[in-house]
């Protein structure tokens, strides 16, 4: 199983977490999505994941990668 972790912006509440989990979780190959609000971090587990596609989906949802 593959793991991808992103530092992201704009995560402030449980509603944000729900949006990320449902939005990213709907992508093919995604098995689980864990959001850590305190660290502005999301970890995605699955098979055949494309980091670029995951980052694009996060940005589309309003949570762009910070790059740091």
N, C-alpha and C. Protein backbone atom coordinates (compact mmCIF):
# COMPACT_ATOMS: atom_id res chain seq x y z
N UNK A 1 0.85 -1.17 0.00
CA UNK A 1 0.00 0.00 0.00
C UNK A 1 0.90 1.24 0.00
N UNK A 2 0.51 2.19 -0.77
CA UNK A 2 1.25 3.45 -0.95
C UNK A 2 0.72 4.52 0.02
N UNK A 3 1.61 5.39 0.47
CA UNK A 3 1.23 6.48 1.35
C UNK A 3 1.75 7.80 0.80
N UNK A 4 0.89 8.80 0.78
CA UNK A 4 1.28 10.16 0.36
C UNK A 4 0.83 11.13 1.44
N UNK A 5 1.74 12.02 1.86
CA UNK A 5 1.42 13.00 2.88
C UNK A 5 1.63 14.40 2.33
N UNK A 6 0.68 15.27 2.61
CA UNK A 6 0.70 16.64 2.11
C UNK A 6 0.57 17.61 3.27
N UNK A 7 1.32 18.70 3.24
CA UNK A 7 1.09 19.86 4.10
C UNK A 7 0.14 20.75 3.30
N UNK A 8 -0.98 21.12 3.90
CA UNK A 8 -2.00 21.87 3.16
C UNK A 8 -2.42 23.12 3.91
N UNK A 9 -3.14 24.00 3.22
CA UNK A 9 -3.63 25.25 3.79
C UNK A 9 -5.13 25.17 4.05
N UNK A 10 -5.60 26.05 4.92
CA UNK A 10 -7.03 26.33 5.11
C UNK A 10 -7.81 25.31 5.92
N UNK A 11 -7.18 24.34 6.56
CA UNK A 11 -7.92 23.36 7.36
C UNK A 11 -8.18 23.98 8.73
N UNK A 12 -9.45 24.20 9.06
CA UNK A 12 -9.77 24.90 10.29
C UNK A 12 -10.80 24.18 11.19
N UNK A 13 -11.56 23.26 10.62
CA UNK A 13 -12.65 22.69 11.42
C UNK A 13 -13.01 21.28 10.94
N UNK A 14 -13.97 20.69 11.64
CA UNK A 14 -14.41 19.34 11.29
C UNK A 14 -15.08 19.32 9.92
N UNK A 15 -15.69 20.43 9.52
CA UNK A 15 -16.30 20.51 8.19
C UNK A 15 -15.23 20.43 7.10
N UNK A 16 -14.09 21.06 7.35
CA UNK A 16 -12.97 20.99 6.41
C UNK A 16 -12.49 19.55 6.28
N UNK A 17 -12.35 18.89 7.42
CA UNK A 17 -11.90 17.50 7.44
C UNK A 17 -12.87 16.64 6.64
N UNK A 18 -14.15 16.81 6.85
CA UNK A 18 -15.17 16.03 6.15
C UNK A 18 -15.07 16.26 4.64
N UNK A 19 -14.91 17.51 4.21
CA UNK A 19 -14.80 17.83 2.79
C UNK A 19 -13.60 17.12 2.17
N UNK A 20 -12.46 17.13 2.88
CA UNK A 20 -11.25 16.49 2.37
C UNK A 20 -11.42 14.98 2.31
N UNK A 21 -11.90 14.40 3.39
CA UNK A 21 -12.05 12.93 3.45
C UNK A 21 -13.01 12.44 2.37
N UNK A 22 -14.13 13.11 2.20
CA UNK A 22 -15.10 12.68 1.19
C UNK A 22 -14.60 12.95 -0.22
N UNK A 23 -14.01 14.12 -0.44
CA UNK A 23 -13.55 14.49 -1.78
C UNK A 23 -12.39 13.65 -2.27
N UNK A 24 -11.36 13.51 -1.44
CA UNK A 24 -10.19 12.72 -1.82
C UNK A 24 -10.51 11.23 -1.76
N UNK A 25 -11.33 10.85 -0.79
CA UNK A 25 -11.70 9.44 -0.64
C UNK A 25 -12.46 8.87 -1.81
N UNK A 26 -13.05 9.74 -2.62
CA UNK A 26 -13.81 9.27 -3.79
C UNK A 26 -12.92 8.95 -4.99
N UNK A 27 -11.64 9.30 -4.91
CA UNK A 27 -10.74 9.05 -6.03
C UNK A 27 -10.38 7.56 -6.12
N UNK A 28 -10.17 7.06 -7.34
CA UNK A 28 -9.81 5.66 -7.52
C UNK A 28 -8.51 5.30 -6.80
N UNK A 29 -8.51 4.17 -6.14
CA UNK A 29 -7.32 3.67 -5.48
C UNK A 29 -7.13 4.13 -4.05
N UNK A 30 -7.91 5.12 -3.61
CA UNK A 30 -7.75 5.65 -2.25
C UNK A 30 -8.45 4.72 -1.26
N UNK A 31 -7.66 4.27 -0.27
CA UNK A 31 -8.21 3.37 0.75
C UNK A 31 -8.59 4.14 2.01
N UNK A 32 -7.79 5.15 2.38
CA UNK A 32 -8.10 5.94 3.58
C UNK A 32 -7.48 7.33 3.48
N UNK A 33 -8.12 8.26 4.18
CA UNK A 33 -7.66 9.65 4.23
C UNK A 33 -7.68 10.07 5.69
N UNK A 34 -6.53 10.55 6.18
CA UNK A 34 -6.42 11.02 7.56
C UNK A 34 -5.99 12.48 7.54
N UNK A 35 -6.75 13.33 8.21
CA UNK A 35 -6.44 14.75 8.27
C UNK A 35 -6.08 15.11 9.71
N UNK A 36 -4.93 15.78 9.87
CA UNK A 36 -4.50 16.26 11.18
C UNK A 36 -4.57 17.78 11.14
N UNK A 37 -5.62 18.33 11.73
CA UNK A 37 -5.87 19.77 11.70
C UNK A 37 -4.72 20.54 12.35
N UNK A 38 -4.24 20.07 13.48
CA UNK A 38 -3.19 20.76 14.22
C UNK A 38 -1.91 20.93 13.41
N UNK A 39 -1.62 19.97 12.52
CA UNK A 39 -0.39 19.99 11.73
C UNK A 39 -0.62 20.43 10.29
N UNK A 40 -1.87 20.77 9.93
CA UNK A 40 -2.21 21.12 8.55
C UNK A 40 -1.70 20.04 7.59
N UNK A 41 -2.04 18.81 7.92
CA UNK A 41 -1.49 17.68 7.16
C UNK A 41 -2.58 16.68 6.80
N UNK A 42 -2.44 16.09 5.62
CA UNK A 42 -3.33 15.01 5.20
C UNK A 42 -2.48 13.86 4.69
N UNK A 43 -2.82 12.65 5.15
CA UNK A 43 -2.13 11.44 4.71
C UNK A 43 -3.14 10.56 4.00
N UNK A 44 -2.76 10.12 2.82
CA UNK A 44 -3.65 9.32 1.98
C UNK A 44 -2.99 7.97 1.73
N UNK A 45 -3.72 6.90 1.99
CA UNK A 45 -3.25 5.55 1.74
C UNK A 45 -4.04 4.93 0.61
N UNK A 46 -3.36 4.14 -0.22
CA UNK A 46 -4.06 3.46 -1.29
C UNK A 46 -3.10 2.79 -2.25
N UNK A 47 -3.62 2.36 -3.37
CA UNK A 47 -2.82 1.70 -4.39
C UNK A 47 -2.93 2.47 -5.70
N UNK A 48 -1.80 2.62 -6.38
CA UNK A 48 -1.78 3.29 -7.67
C UNK A 48 -2.08 4.77 -7.58
N UNK A 49 -1.68 5.40 -6.48
CA UNK A 49 -1.97 6.81 -6.29
C UNK A 49 -1.03 7.69 -7.10
N UNK A 50 -1.55 8.75 -7.65
CA UNK A 50 -0.76 9.75 -8.35
C UNK A 50 -0.67 10.99 -7.46
N UNK A 51 0.52 11.32 -7.01
CA UNK A 51 0.69 12.47 -6.13
C UNK A 51 0.15 13.74 -6.79
N UNK A 52 0.41 13.90 -8.08
CA UNK A 52 -0.07 15.09 -8.79
C UNK A 52 -1.59 15.15 -8.80
N UNK A 53 -2.26 14.04 -9.02
CA UNK A 53 -3.72 13.99 -9.03
C UNK A 53 -4.30 14.28 -7.65
N UNK A 54 -3.65 13.75 -6.62
CA UNK A 54 -4.11 14.00 -5.26
C UNK A 54 -3.96 15.48 -4.91
N UNK A 55 -2.81 16.07 -5.26
CA UNK A 55 -2.57 17.49 -4.99
C UNK A 55 -3.58 18.35 -5.74
N UNK A 56 -3.88 17.97 -6.98
CA UNK A 56 -4.86 18.72 -7.78
C UNK A 56 -6.24 18.66 -7.14
N UNK A 57 -6.63 17.49 -6.64
CA UNK A 57 -7.94 17.34 -6.00
C UNK A 57 -8.01 18.18 -4.72
N UNK A 58 -6.94 18.14 -3.92
CA UNK A 58 -6.91 18.94 -2.71
C UNK A 58 -7.06 20.43 -3.04
N UNK A 59 -6.35 20.89 -4.06
CA UNK A 59 -6.44 22.30 -4.47
C UNK A 59 -7.84 22.63 -4.95
N UNK A 60 -8.43 21.71 -5.72
CA UNK A 60 -9.80 21.91 -6.23
C UNK A 60 -10.79 22.06 -5.06
N UNK A 61 -10.55 21.33 -4.00
CA UNK A 61 -11.43 21.37 -2.82
C UNK A 61 -11.19 22.61 -1.96
N UNK A 62 -10.10 23.35 -2.26
CA UNK A 62 -9.79 24.57 -1.51
C UNK A 62 -8.70 24.41 -0.47
N UNK A 63 -7.94 23.29 -0.58
CA UNK A 63 -6.88 23.00 0.38
C UNK A 63 -5.57 22.73 -0.37
N UNK A 64 -4.96 23.78 -0.91
CA UNK A 64 -3.74 23.59 -1.70
C UNK A 64 -2.55 23.17 -0.84
N UNK A 65 -1.64 22.46 -1.46
CA UNK A 65 -0.41 22.05 -0.81
C UNK A 65 0.45 23.29 -0.54
N UNK A 66 1.06 23.35 0.65
CA UNK A 66 1.87 24.51 1.01
C UNK A 66 3.29 24.39 0.49
N UNK A 67 3.72 23.16 0.21
CA UNK A 67 5.08 22.97 -0.25
C UNK A 67 6.10 22.91 0.87
N UNK A 68 5.65 22.90 2.09
CA UNK A 68 6.61 22.88 3.19
C UNK A 68 6.21 22.14 4.34
